[in-house]
Amino acid sequence: MNKRKYSVIVFDLGQVLLRFDYKYFVEKVNKHKPGIGEKFLQLYKDNYSTHRDFEKGLLTEDKFINIMLGYLDNCIDGETFCKYWSDIFTPDERVISLLPLLKENYQLYLISNTNSIHKEYGFGNYEFLKLFDKLILSHEVKFIKPEEEIYLEVEKVSGFSPEEHIFIDDILEYVDAAKKLGWDGIQFVGYDDLVANLKMRKLL
């Protein structure tokens, strides 16, 4: 393995630092109208481009909420939707515990394909986010992984060369996109594997 000088460690958010599961959303809406949660998920999946447009900031929050309420046969209001749809996250405390250790020697950045509702109602107030030098959120920068522009946003702020960056994400396609730019990358499959990969690179 090539010896690299690392200066910047970049994390994904969902399924790395925060687990998420839409079953919690389904359970909540089904109490308002039995079976509507499953119907919603199918429509959500069938129209995934709507979700992507919202993540890229191409769709306003109001427009997105109205479309989602339509999927739910308007059985709840917009505020309730935002709360239910964002109450899906569980912190992975073991992975989060690595952040202060890494912060001692490296710049930390976060790249996430996400949206304004999940930020405001879901993950936005987690204390561990303050450990990052900057959060690069898709709906704010108007790019999503694996588009190269979202990775270049990190380079712009960090000021370091591509090969001094390493990216950790659960989705291999997004890791590979970073590698194409000269970054190193680790596909996240679990805490123990991540620690082993970081130690192998002498990052821990």
Protein backbone atom coordinates (compact mmCIF):
# COMPACT_ATOMS: atom_id res chain seq x y z
CA MET A 1 0.00 0.00 0.00
CA ASN A 2 1.27 3.48 -0.89
CA LYS A 3 2.45 5.60 2.02
CA ARG A 4 0.26 8.67 2.11
CA LYS A 5 0.29 11.78 4.20
CA TYR A 6 -3.26 12.23 5.51
CA SER A 7 -4.56 15.62 6.59
CA VAL A 8 -8.33 15.35 6.13
CA ILE A 9 -10.79 12.62 7.16
CA VAL A 10 -14.24 12.88 5.61
CA PHE A 11 -17.25 10.97 6.95
CA ASP A 12 -20.63 10.14 5.52
CA LEU A 13 -23.51 10.63 7.98
CA GLY A 14 -26.30 8.11 7.31
CA GLN A 15 -25.60 4.44 8.15
CA VAL A 16 -22.11 5.41 9.35
CA LEU A 17 -22.48 7.88 12.23
CA LEU A 18 -26.26 7.73 12.35
CA ARG A 19 -28.28 4.62 11.65
CA PHE A 20 -31.67 5.26 10.11
CA ASP A 21 -34.69 3.06 9.46
CA TYR A 22 -37.96 4.16 7.86
CA LYS A 23 -39.85 1.42 9.72
CA TYR A 24 -40.30 3.94 12.55
CA PHE A 25 -42.04 6.29 10.12
CA VAL A 26 -44.22 3.47 8.75
CA GLU A 27 -45.32 2.44 12.26
CA LYS A 28 -46.32 5.99 13.15
CA VAL A 29 -48.35 6.78 10.02
CA ASN A 30 -50.05 3.37 10.08
CA LYS A 31 -51.65 4.42 13.38
CA HIS A 32 -53.41 7.20 11.46
CA LYS A 33 -54.45 5.00 8.56
CA PRO A 34 -53.64 1.24 8.46
CA GLY A 35 -51.38 0.26 5.54
CA ILE A 36 -50.63 3.83 4.45
CA GLY A 37 -46.97 3.51 5.52
CA GLU A 38 -46.32 0.66 3.11
CA LYS A 39 -48.19 2.49 0.33
CA PHE A 40 -46.07 5.58 1.01
CA LEU A 41 -42.76 3.68 0.84
CA GLN A 42 -43.71 2.13 -2.50
CA LEU A 43 -44.64 5.51 -3.99
CA TYR A 44 -41.50 7.03 -2.48
CA LYS A 45 -39.36 4.35 -4.13
CA ASP A 46 -41.19 4.54 -7.45
CA ASN A 47 -40.67 8.32 -7.55
CA TYR A 48 -37.16 8.43 -6.10
CA SER A 49 -36.18 11.28 -8.43
CA THR A 50 -38.43 13.52 -6.29
CA HIS A 51 -36.35 12.61 -3.22
CA ARG A 52 -33.14 13.26 -5.16
CA ASP A 53 -34.38 16.66 -6.36
CA PHE A 54 -35.15 17.60 -2.77
CA GLU A 55 -31.67 16.48 -1.66
CA LYS A 56 -30.15 18.65 -4.38
CA GLY A 57 -32.17 21.66 -3.27
CA LEU A 58 -34.05 21.73 -6.58
CA LEU A 59 -37.44 21.27 -4.89
CA THR A 60 -38.76 23.60 -2.21
CA GLU A 61 -39.61 22.20 1.20
CA ASP A 62 -43.30 23.14 0.79
CA LYS A 63 -43.54 21.45 -2.61
CA PHE A 64 -41.85 18.29 -1.32
CA ILE A 65 -44.11 18.13 1.76
CA ASN A 66 -47.22 18.53 -0.40
CA ILE A 67 -46.13 15.65 -2.65
CA MET A 68 -45.40 13.44 0.39
CA LEU A 69 -48.76 14.28 2.01
CA GLY A 70 -50.40 13.20 -1.25
CA TYR A 71 -48.64 9.83 -0.94
CA LEU A 72 -50.12 9.62 2.58
CA ASP A 73 -53.68 10.45 1.42
CA ASN A 74 -53.32 13.59 3.57
CA CYS A 75 -53.91 11.54 6.73
CA ILE A 76 -51.48 13.79 8.66
CA ASP A 77 -50.48 17.45 8.40
CA GLY A 78 -47.16 18.88 7.22
CA GLU A 79 -45.68 19.48 10.66
CA THR A 80 -46.51 15.93 11.76
CA PHE A 81 -44.99 14.57 8.54
CA CYS A 82 -41.72 16.45 9.18
CA LYS A 83 -41.50 15.07 12.72
CA TYR A 84 -42.38 11.47 11.82
CA TRP A 85 -40.18 11.43 8.69
CA SER A 86 -37.20 12.69 10.70
CA ASP A 87 -37.65 10.46 13.75
CA ILE A 88 -35.71 7.64 12.11
CA PHE A 89 -32.15 8.20 13.35
CA THR A 90 -30.13 6.34 15.97
CA PRO A 91 -26.54 7.46 16.74
CA ASP A 92 -23.81 4.82 16.40
CA GLU A 93 -21.99 5.77 19.59
CA ARG A 94 -18.97 3.55 18.92
CA VAL A 95 -18.22 5.19 15.57
CA ILE A 96 -18.95 8.64 17.02
CA SER A 97 -16.45 7.95 19.83
CA LEU A 98 -13.66 7.87 17.22
CA LEU A 99 -14.25 11.47 16.16
CA PRO A 100 -12.55 13.24 19.13
CA LEU A 101 -9.50 10.97 18.71
CA LEU A 102 -9.22 11.71 14.99
CA LYS A 103 -9.89 15.41 15.54
CA GLU A 104 -6.63 15.69 17.53
CA ASN A 105 -4.53 15.21 14.38
CA TYR A 106 -6.74 15.73 11.34
CA GLN A 107 -9.32 18.05 9.89
CA LEU A 108 -12.76 16.44 9.94
CA TYR A 109 -15.45 17.02 7.34
CA LEU A 110 -18.84 15.49 6.74
CA ILE A 111 -20.51 14.90 3.36
CA SER A 112 -24.16 13.90 3.33
CA ASN A 113 -26.88 13.46 0.75
CA THR A 114 -29.63 14.93 2.89
CA ASN A 115 -32.32 17.59 3.06
CA SER A 116 -33.55 20.56 5.04
CA ILE A 117 -36.30 18.63 6.87
CA HIS A 118 -33.99 15.91 8.17
CA LYS A 119 -31.50 18.57 9.25
CA GLU A 120 -34.06 20.68 11.10
CA TYR A 121 -36.20 17.95 12.63
CA GLY A 122 -33.77 15.03 12.74
CA PHE A 123 -30.00 15.17 13.02
CA GLY A 124 -29.22 18.88 13.19
CA ASN A 125 -28.84 19.17 16.96
CA TYR A 126 -26.51 16.24 17.59
CA GLU A 127 -23.53 17.48 19.60
CA PHE A 128 -20.98 15.36 17.74
CA LEU A 129 -21.53 17.44 14.58
CA LYS A 130 -19.65 20.28 16.28
CA LEU A 131 -16.45 18.20 15.97
CA PHE A 132 -16.48 18.69 12.20
CA ASP A 133 -14.67 21.61 10.61
CA LYS A 134 -17.55 21.87 8.14
CA LEU A 135 -20.68 20.00 7.11
CA ILE A 136 -21.08 19.64 3.33
CA LEU A 137 -24.80 18.96 2.94
CA SER A 138 -26.20 18.21 -0.51
CA HIS A 139 -29.25 20.46 -0.28
CA GLU A 140 -27.04 23.41 0.69
CA VAL A 141 -24.29 22.95 -1.93
CA LYS A 142 -26.74 21.74 -4.65
CA PHE A 143 -24.71 18.60 -5.46
CA ILE A 144 -25.10 14.99 -4.36
CA LYS A 145 -22.71 12.08 -4.09
CA PRO A 146 -21.33 10.66 -6.37
CA GLU A 147 -21.11 13.99 -8.28
CA GLU A 148 -17.52 15.14 -8.09
CA GLU A 149 -18.47 18.72 -7.20
CA ILE A 150 -19.57 17.72 -3.68
CA TYR A 151 -16.11 16.27 -2.96
CA LEU A 152 -14.43 19.33 -4.46
CA GLU A 153 -16.36 21.45 -1.94
CA VAL A 154 -14.28 19.76 0.79
CA GLU A 155 -11.00 20.41 -1.04
CA LYS A 156 -12.01 24.04 -1.49
CA VAL A 157 -12.40 24.50 2.26
CA SER A 158 -9.61 22.22 3.51
CA GLY A 159 -6.94 23.63 1.23
CA PHE A 160 -5.16 20.26 1.06
CA SER A 161 -4.34 18.23 -2.04
CA PRO A 162 -6.72 15.40 -3.06
CA GLU A 163 -4.36 12.61 -1.96
CA GLU A 164 -4.35 13.96 1.62
CA HIS A 165 -8.10 13.25 1.94
CA ILE A 166 -9.74 9.97 2.94
CA PHE A 167 -13.47 9.30 2.70
CA ILE A 168 -15.56 6.86 4.77
CA ASP A 169 -19.00 5.91 3.38
CA ASP A 170 -21.20 2.80 3.49
CA ILE A 171 -21.95 3.02 -0.25
CA LEU A 172 -19.08 1.75 -2.41
CA GLU A 173 -20.08 3.88 -5.42
CA TYR A 174 -19.58 7.03 -3.33
CA VAL A 175 -16.19 5.84 -2.04
CA ASP A 176 -15.09 5.02 -5.59
CA ALA A 177 -16.12 8.51 -6.77
CA ALA A 178 -13.79 10.00 -4.14
CA LYS A 179 -10.98 7.68 -5.23
CA LYS A 180 -11.34 8.85 -8.83
CA LEU A 181 -10.38 12.32 -7.58
CA GLY A 182 -7.24 10.96 -5.92
CA TRP A 183 -8.64 10.52 -2.43
CA ASP A 184 -8.23 7.35 -0.40
CA GLY A 185 -11.44 5.67 0.71
CA ILE A 186 -12.90 3.09 3.07
CA GLN A 187 -16.27 1.43 2.58
CA PHE A 188 -17.92 1.33 6.00
CA VAL A 189 -19.21 -2.14 6.88
CA GLY A 190 -18.97 -1.85 10.67
CA TYR A 191 -17.04 -0.39 13.57
CA ASP A 192 -14.40 -3.12 13.91
CA ASP A 193 -13.55 -3.11 10.21
CA LEU A 194 -13.33 0.69 10.23
CA VAL A 195 -10.94 0.68 13.20
CA ALA A 196 -8.79 -1.96 11.48
CA ASN A 197 -8.65 0.14 8.30
CA LEU A 198 -7.78 3.32 10.20
CA LYS A 199 -5.05 1.54 12.19
CA MET A 200 -3.61 0.01 9.04
CA ARG A 201 -3.21 3.54 7.69
CA LYS A 202 -1.82 4.74 11.07
CA LEU A 203 -4.72 7.16 11.42
CA LEU A 204 -5.56 5.75 14.86
